[in-house]
Amino acid sequence: MTLKKYRKIYLFPVIVLGLLTILEVSVVIYLLTALGAEGPLAEITKTILDFWTFFWPCLFIVEIIIYCVIRKKPLNRLWVLLHTWFTLGAFFLMWIVFALISLSYEHLEDKSWITTISIFRRLFFWFLVIVGHIFFILTIVKAFQKQSIETNEAPGLLDEFVG
């Protein structure tokens, strides 16, 4: 197995993120059609249609499109991996971890820990999202940065007027 075979494996998390996003949008659309928008189910439909339900999947789809556009340009693959893993962590892995933490504290009589965990979960979520998207922005900047062509020739007489 050669390294060349695995040169595009850094896009795997982007593909997983795209598939999970498509799954999420499909579930929302299914729920909207199954529940309808009449009577008491209208409140549930309104909750499902909130801004964040469609904002994040749309943002992920735009990110996938941007990665498809810049895939042929020289990228820092570590930045791509960091962006996608931080984002996957914020949207999928974090929920599993905090669900397990909540289950472990469920038997306690004092429920004051719920507020603390909720605040920590929100802070941790936004930390992961911001750090991940910093790497996304760095990737975009590097992809559209002009590549300098280095030559070993001595500068010519008129080179200062070119460019």
C-alpha atoms as a PDB file:
ATOM      1  CA  MET A   1       0.000   0.000   0.000  1.00  0.00           C
ATOM      2  CA  THR A   2       1.520   3.212  -1.106  1.00  0.00           C
ATOM      3  CA  LEU A   3       1.099   6.648   0.352  1.00  0.00           C
ATOM      4  CA  LYS A   4      -0.188   7.922  -2.993  1.00  0.00           C
ATOM      5  CA  LYS A   5      -3.249   5.705  -2.583  1.00  0.00           C
ATOM      6  CA  TYR A   6      -4.245   7.565   0.584  1.00  0.00           C
ATOM      7  CA  ARG A   7      -3.476  11.118  -0.489  1.00  0.00           C
ATOM      8  CA  LYS A   8      -7.147  12.174  -0.488  1.00  0.00           C
ATOM      9  CA  ILE A   9      -8.064  10.492   2.809  1.00  0.00           C
ATOM     10  CA  TYR A  10      -7.992  13.929   4.448  1.00  0.00           C
ATOM     11  CA  LEU A  11     -11.319  14.643   2.744  1.00  0.00           C
ATOM     12  CA  PHE A  12     -12.967  11.644   4.432  1.00  0.00           C
ATOM     13  CA  PRO A  13     -14.253  13.668   7.415  1.00  0.00           C
ATOM     14  CA  VAL A  14     -15.674  16.224   4.987  1.00  0.00           C
ATOM     15  CA  ILE A  15     -17.565  13.434   3.228  1.00  0.00           C
ATOM     16  CA  VAL A  16     -18.811  12.059   6.570  1.00  0.00           C
ATOM     17  CA  LEU A  17     -19.949  15.543   7.583  1.00  0.00           C
ATOM     18  CA  GLY A  18     -21.785  15.904   4.285  1.00  0.00           C
ATOM     19  CA  LEU A  19     -23.503  12.538   4.667  1.00  0.00           C
ATOM     20  CA  LEU A  20     -24.564  13.325   8.229  1.00  0.00           C
ATOM     21  CA  THR A  21     -25.874  16.693   7.063  1.00  0.00           C
ATOM     22  CA  ILE A  22     -27.903  15.071   4.287  1.00  0.00           C
ATOM     23  CA  LEU A  23     -29.237  12.571   6.840  1.00  0.00           C
ATOM     24  CA  GLU A  24     -30.227  15.389   9.193  1.00  0.00           C
ATOM     25  CA  VAL A  25     -32.029  17.338   6.466  1.00  0.00           C
ATOM     26  CA  SER A  26     -33.771  14.147   5.311  1.00  0.00           C
ATOM     27  CA  VAL A  27     -35.021  13.442   8.826  1.00  0.00           C
ATOM     28  CA  VAL A  28     -36.315  17.007   9.181  1.00  0.00           C
ATOM     29  CA  ILE A  29     -38.113  16.809   5.847  1.00  0.00           C
ATOM     30  CA  TYR A  30     -39.571  13.418   6.750  1.00  0.00           C
ATOM     31  CA  LEU A  31     -40.798  14.729  10.099  1.00  0.00           C
ATOM     32  CA  LEU A  32     -42.374  17.740   8.420  1.00  0.00           C
ATOM     33  CA  THR A  33     -44.295  15.573   5.979  1.00  0.00           C
ATOM     34  CA  ALA A  34     -45.220  12.939   8.563  1.00  0.00           C
ATOM     35  CA  LEU A  35     -46.375  15.353  11.255  1.00  0.00           C
ATOM     36  CA  GLY A  36     -48.127  17.884   9.062  1.00  0.00           C
ATOM     37  CA  ALA A  37     -48.855  21.445  10.165  1.00  0.00           C
ATOM     38  CA  GLU A  38     -52.358  21.333  11.642  1.00  0.00           C
ATOM     39  CA  GLY A  39     -53.588  21.433  15.214  1.00  0.00           C
ATOM     40  CA  PRO A  40     -51.229  20.567  18.072  1.00  0.00           C
ATOM     41  CA  LEU A  41     -48.629  19.254  15.641  1.00  0.00           C
ATOM     42  CA  ALA A  42     -48.172  22.772  14.263  1.00  0.00           C
ATOM     43  CA  GLU A  43     -46.135  23.694  17.353  1.00  0.00           C
ATOM     44  CA  ILE A  44     -43.811  20.732  16.813  1.00  0.00           C
ATOM     45  CA  THR A  45     -43.404  21.680  13.144  1.00  0.00           C
ATOM     46  CA  LYS A  46     -42.590  25.256  14.111  1.00  0.00           C
ATOM     47  CA  THR A  47     -39.921  23.975  16.512  1.00  0.00           C
ATOM     48  CA  ILE A  48     -38.409  21.763  13.835  1.00  0.00           C
ATOM     49  CA  LEU A  49     -38.309  24.670  11.398  1.00  0.00           C
ATOM     50  CA  ASP A  50     -36.279  26.931  13.620  1.00  0.00           C
ATOM     51  CA  PHE A  51     -33.331  28.825  12.170  1.00  0.00           C
ATOM     52  CA  TRP A  52     -30.565  26.585  13.476  1.00  0.00           C
ATOM     53  CA  THR A  53     -32.076  23.420  12.036  1.00  0.00           C
ATOM     54  CA  PHE A  54     -31.442  24.644   8.513  1.00  0.00           C
ATOM     55  CA  PHE A  55     -28.562  27.066   9.087  1.00  0.00           C
ATOM     56  CA  TRP A  56     -25.975  24.470  10.096  1.00  0.00           C
ATOM     57  CA  PRO A  57     -26.740  21.958   7.313  1.00  0.00           C
ATOM     58  CA  CYS A  58     -26.689  24.778   4.749  1.00  0.00           C
ATOM     59  CA  LEU A  59     -23.361  25.979   6.134  1.00  0.00           C
ATOM     60  CA  PHE A  60     -21.938  22.444   5.909  1.00  0.00           C
ATOM     61  CA  ILE A  61     -23.129  22.089   2.324  1.00  0.00           C
ATOM     62  CA  VAL A  62     -21.464  25.405   1.422  1.00  0.00           C
ATOM     63  CA  GLU A  63     -18.248  24.201   3.083  1.00  0.00           C
ATOM     64  CA  ILE A  64     -18.348  20.961   1.089  1.00  0.00           C
ATOM     65  CA  ILE A  65     -18.848  22.941  -2.127  1.00  0.00           C
ATOM     66  CA  ILE A  66     -15.882  25.165  -1.222  1.00  0.00           C
ATOM     67  CA  TYR A  67     -13.729  22.102  -0.534  1.00  0.00           C
ATOM     68  CA  CYS A  68     -14.757  20.668  -3.923  1.00  0.00           C
ATOM     69  CA  VAL A  69     -13.774  23.934  -5.630  1.00  0.00           C
ATOM     70  CA  ILE A  70     -10.370  24.181  -3.941  1.00  0.00           C
ATOM     71  CA  ARG A  71      -9.475  20.471  -3.928  1.00  0.00           C
ATOM     72  CA  LYS A  72      -6.987  20.862  -6.793  1.00  0.00           C
ATOM     73  CA  LYS A  73      -5.169  23.747  -5.117  1.00  0.00           C
ATOM     74  CA  PRO A  74      -2.316  23.210  -2.659  1.00  0.00           C
ATOM     75  CA  LEU A  75      -3.977  22.761   0.725  1.00  0.00           C
ATOM     76  CA  ASN A  76      -2.632  22.251   4.178  1.00  0.00           C
ATOM     77  CA  ARG A  77      -4.277  18.892   4.807  1.00  0.00           C
ATOM     78  CA  LEU A  78      -3.798  19.189   8.547  1.00  0.00           C
ATOM     79  CA  TRP A  79      -5.973  22.325   8.556  1.00  0.00           C
ATOM     80  CA  VAL A  80      -8.679  20.496   6.588  1.00  0.00           C
ATOM     81  CA  LEU A  81      -8.558  17.614   9.060  1.00  0.00           C
ATOM     82  CA  LEU A  82      -8.623  19.918  12.068  1.00  0.00           C
ATOM     83  CA  HIS A  83     -11.594  21.852  10.681  1.00  0.00           C
ATOM     84  CA  THR A  84     -13.634  18.753   9.968  1.00  0.00           C
ATOM     85  CA  TRP A  85     -12.752  16.888  13.158  1.00  0.00           C
ATOM     86  CA  PHE A  86     -13.489  19.906  15.351  1.00  0.00           C
ATOM     87  CA  THR A  87     -16.792  20.363  13.536  1.00  0.00           C
ATOM     88  CA  LEU A  88     -17.676  16.682  13.789  1.00  0.00           C
ATOM     89  CA  GLY A  89     -16.761  16.844  17.457  1.00  0.00           C
ATOM     90  CA  ALA A  90     -19.000  19.850  18.041  1.00  0.00           C
ATOM     91  CA  PHE A  91     -22.025  18.505  16.245  1.00  0.00           C
ATOM     92  CA  PHE A  92     -21.931  14.774  16.818  1.00  0.00           C
ATOM     93  CA  LEU A  93     -19.330  13.428  19.238  1.00  0.00           C
ATOM     94  CA  MET A  94     -19.936  16.106  21.871  1.00  0.00           C
ATOM     95  CA  TRP A  95     -23.617  15.182  22.157  1.00  0.00           C
ATOM     96  CA  ILE A  96     -22.735  11.549  22.809  1.00  0.00           C
ATOM     97  CA  VAL A  97     -20.169  12.475  25.475  1.00  0.00           C
ATOM     98  CA  PHE A  98     -22.523  14.842  27.287  1.00  0.00           C
ATOM     99  CA  ALA A  99     -25.386  12.329  27.079  1.00  0.00           C
ATOM    100  CA  LEU A 100     -23.157   9.767  28.785  1.00  0.00           C
ATOM    101  CA  ILE A 101     -22.140  12.318  31.429  1.00  0.00           C
ATOM    102  CA  SER A 102     -25.801  13.163  32.050  1.00  0.00           C
ATOM    103  CA  LEU A 103     -26.698   9.489  32.397  1.00  0.00           C
ATOM    104  CA  SER A 104     -23.935   8.968  34.928  1.00  0.00           C
ATOM    105  CA  TYR A 105     -25.252  11.817  37.122  1.00  0.00           C
ATOM    106  CA  GLU A 106     -28.928  10.941  36.714  1.00  0.00           C
ATOM    107  CA  HIS A 107     -29.125   8.966  39.947  1.00  0.00           C
ATOM    108  CA  LEU A 108     -28.123  11.965  42.088  1.00  0.00           C
ATOM    109  CA  GLU A 109     -30.842  13.762  44.068  1.00  0.00           C
ATOM    110  CA  ASP A 110     -29.286  17.211  43.620  1.00  0.00           C
ATOM    111  CA  LYS A 111     -30.067  18.405  40.091  1.00  0.00           C
ATOM    112  CA  SER A 112     -28.009  21.614  40.248  1.00  0.00           C
ATOM    113  CA  TRP A 113     -25.372  19.955  38.077  1.00  0.00           C
ATOM    114  CA  ILE A 114     -27.727  20.126  35.072  1.00  0.00           C
ATOM    115  CA  THR A 115     -27.282  23.888  34.697  1.00  0.00           C
ATOM    116  CA  THR A 116     -23.507  23.628  35.052  1.00  0.00           C
ATOM    117  CA  ILE A 117     -23.248  20.868  32.449  1.00  0.00           C
ATOM    118  CA  SER A 118     -25.577  22.755  30.100  1.00  0.00           C
ATOM    119  CA  ILE A 119     -23.453  25.915  30.294  1.00  0.00           C
ATOM    120  CA  PHE A 120     -20.241  23.927  29.853  1.00  0.00           C
ATOM    121  CA  ARG A 121     -21.767  22.058  26.883  1.00  0.00           C
ATOM    122  CA  ARG A 122     -22.695  25.336  25.155  1.00  0.00           C
ATOM    123  CA  LEU A 123     -19.256  26.853  25.778  1.00  0.00           C
ATOM    124  CA  PHE A 124     -17.520  23.692  24.579  1.00  0.00           C
ATOM    125  CA  PHE A 125     -19.749  23.561  21.476  1.00  0.00           C
ATOM    126  CA  TRP A 126     -18.932  27.162  20.472  1.00  0.00           C
ATOM    127  CA  PHE A 127     -15.239  26.642  21.255  1.00  0.00           C
ATOM    128  CA  LEU A 128     -15.102  23.651  18.894  1.00  0.00           C
ATOM    129  CA  VAL A 129     -17.095  25.456  16.175  1.00  0.00           C
ATOM    130  CA  ILE A 130     -14.953  28.611  16.322  1.00  0.00           C
ATOM    131  CA  VAL A 131     -11.618  26.776  16.382  1.00  0.00           C
ATOM    132  CA  GLY A 132     -12.731  24.482  13.553  1.00  0.00           C
ATOM    133  CA  HIS A 133     -13.832  27.387  11.402  1.00  0.00           C
ATOM    134  CA  ILE A 134     -10.608  29.285  12.041  1.00  0.00           C
ATOM    135  CA  PHE A 135      -8.851  26.366  10.340  1.00  0.00           C
ATOM    136  CA  PHE A 136     -11.465  26.470   7.547  1.00  0.00           C
ATOM    137  CA  ILE A 137     -10.753  30.161   6.943  1.00  0.00           C
ATOM    138  CA  LEU A 138      -7.002  29.507   6.985  1.00  0.00           C
ATOM    139  CA  THR A 139      -7.506  26.748   4.403  1.00  0.00           C
ATOM    140  CA  ILE A 140      -9.469  29.053   2.117  1.00  0.00           C
ATOM    141  CA  VAL A 141      -6.893  31.840   2.439  1.00  0.00           C
ATOM    142  CA  LYS A 142      -4.044  29.455   1.643  1.00  0.00           C
ATOM    143  CA  ALA A 143      -5.908  27.963  -1.312  1.00  0.00           C
ATOM    144  CA  PHE A 144      -6.506  31.339  -2.954  1.00  0.00           C
ATOM    145  CA  GLN A 145      -3.107  32.779  -2.093  1.00  0.00           C
ATOM    146  CA  LYS A 146      -0.955  33.577  -5.113  1.00  0.00           C
ATOM    147  CA  GLN A 147       1.793  31.059  -5.604  1.00  0.00           C
ATOM    148  CA  SER A 148       5.187  32.643  -6.069  1.00  0.00           C
ATOM    149  CA  ILE A 149       7.388  31.116  -8.727  1.00  0.00           C
ATOM    150  CA  GLU A 150      10.970  31.001  -7.601  1.00  0.00           C
ATOM    151  CA  THR A 151      13.742  31.007 -10.153  1.00  0.00           C
ATOM    152  CA  ASN A 152      17.469  30.790  -9.776  1.00  0.00           C
ATOM    153  CA  GLU A 153      18.037  33.472 -12.391  1.00  0.00           C
ATOM    154  CA  ALA A 154      19.485  36.828 -11.512  1.00  0.00           C
ATOM    155  CA  PRO A 155      16.969  39.660 -11.781  1.00  0.00           C
ATOM    156  CA  GLY A 156      16.894  41.287 -15.190  1.00  0.00           C
ATOM    157  CA  LEU A 157      17.231  44.959 -15.932  1.00  0.00           C
ATOM    158  CA  LEU A 158      13.483  45.554 -16.464  1.00  0.00           C
ATOM    159  CA  ASP A 159      12.128  43.114 -13.834  1.00  0.00           C
ATOM    160  CA  GLU A 160      11.276  45.886 -11.408  1.00  0.00           C
ATOM    161  CA  PHE A 161       8.763  47.276 -13.925  1.00  0.00           C
ATOM    162  CA  VAL A 162       6.990  43.931 -14.538  1.00  0.00           C
ATOM    163  CA  GLY A 163       4.023  42.877 -12.419  1.00  0.00           C
END
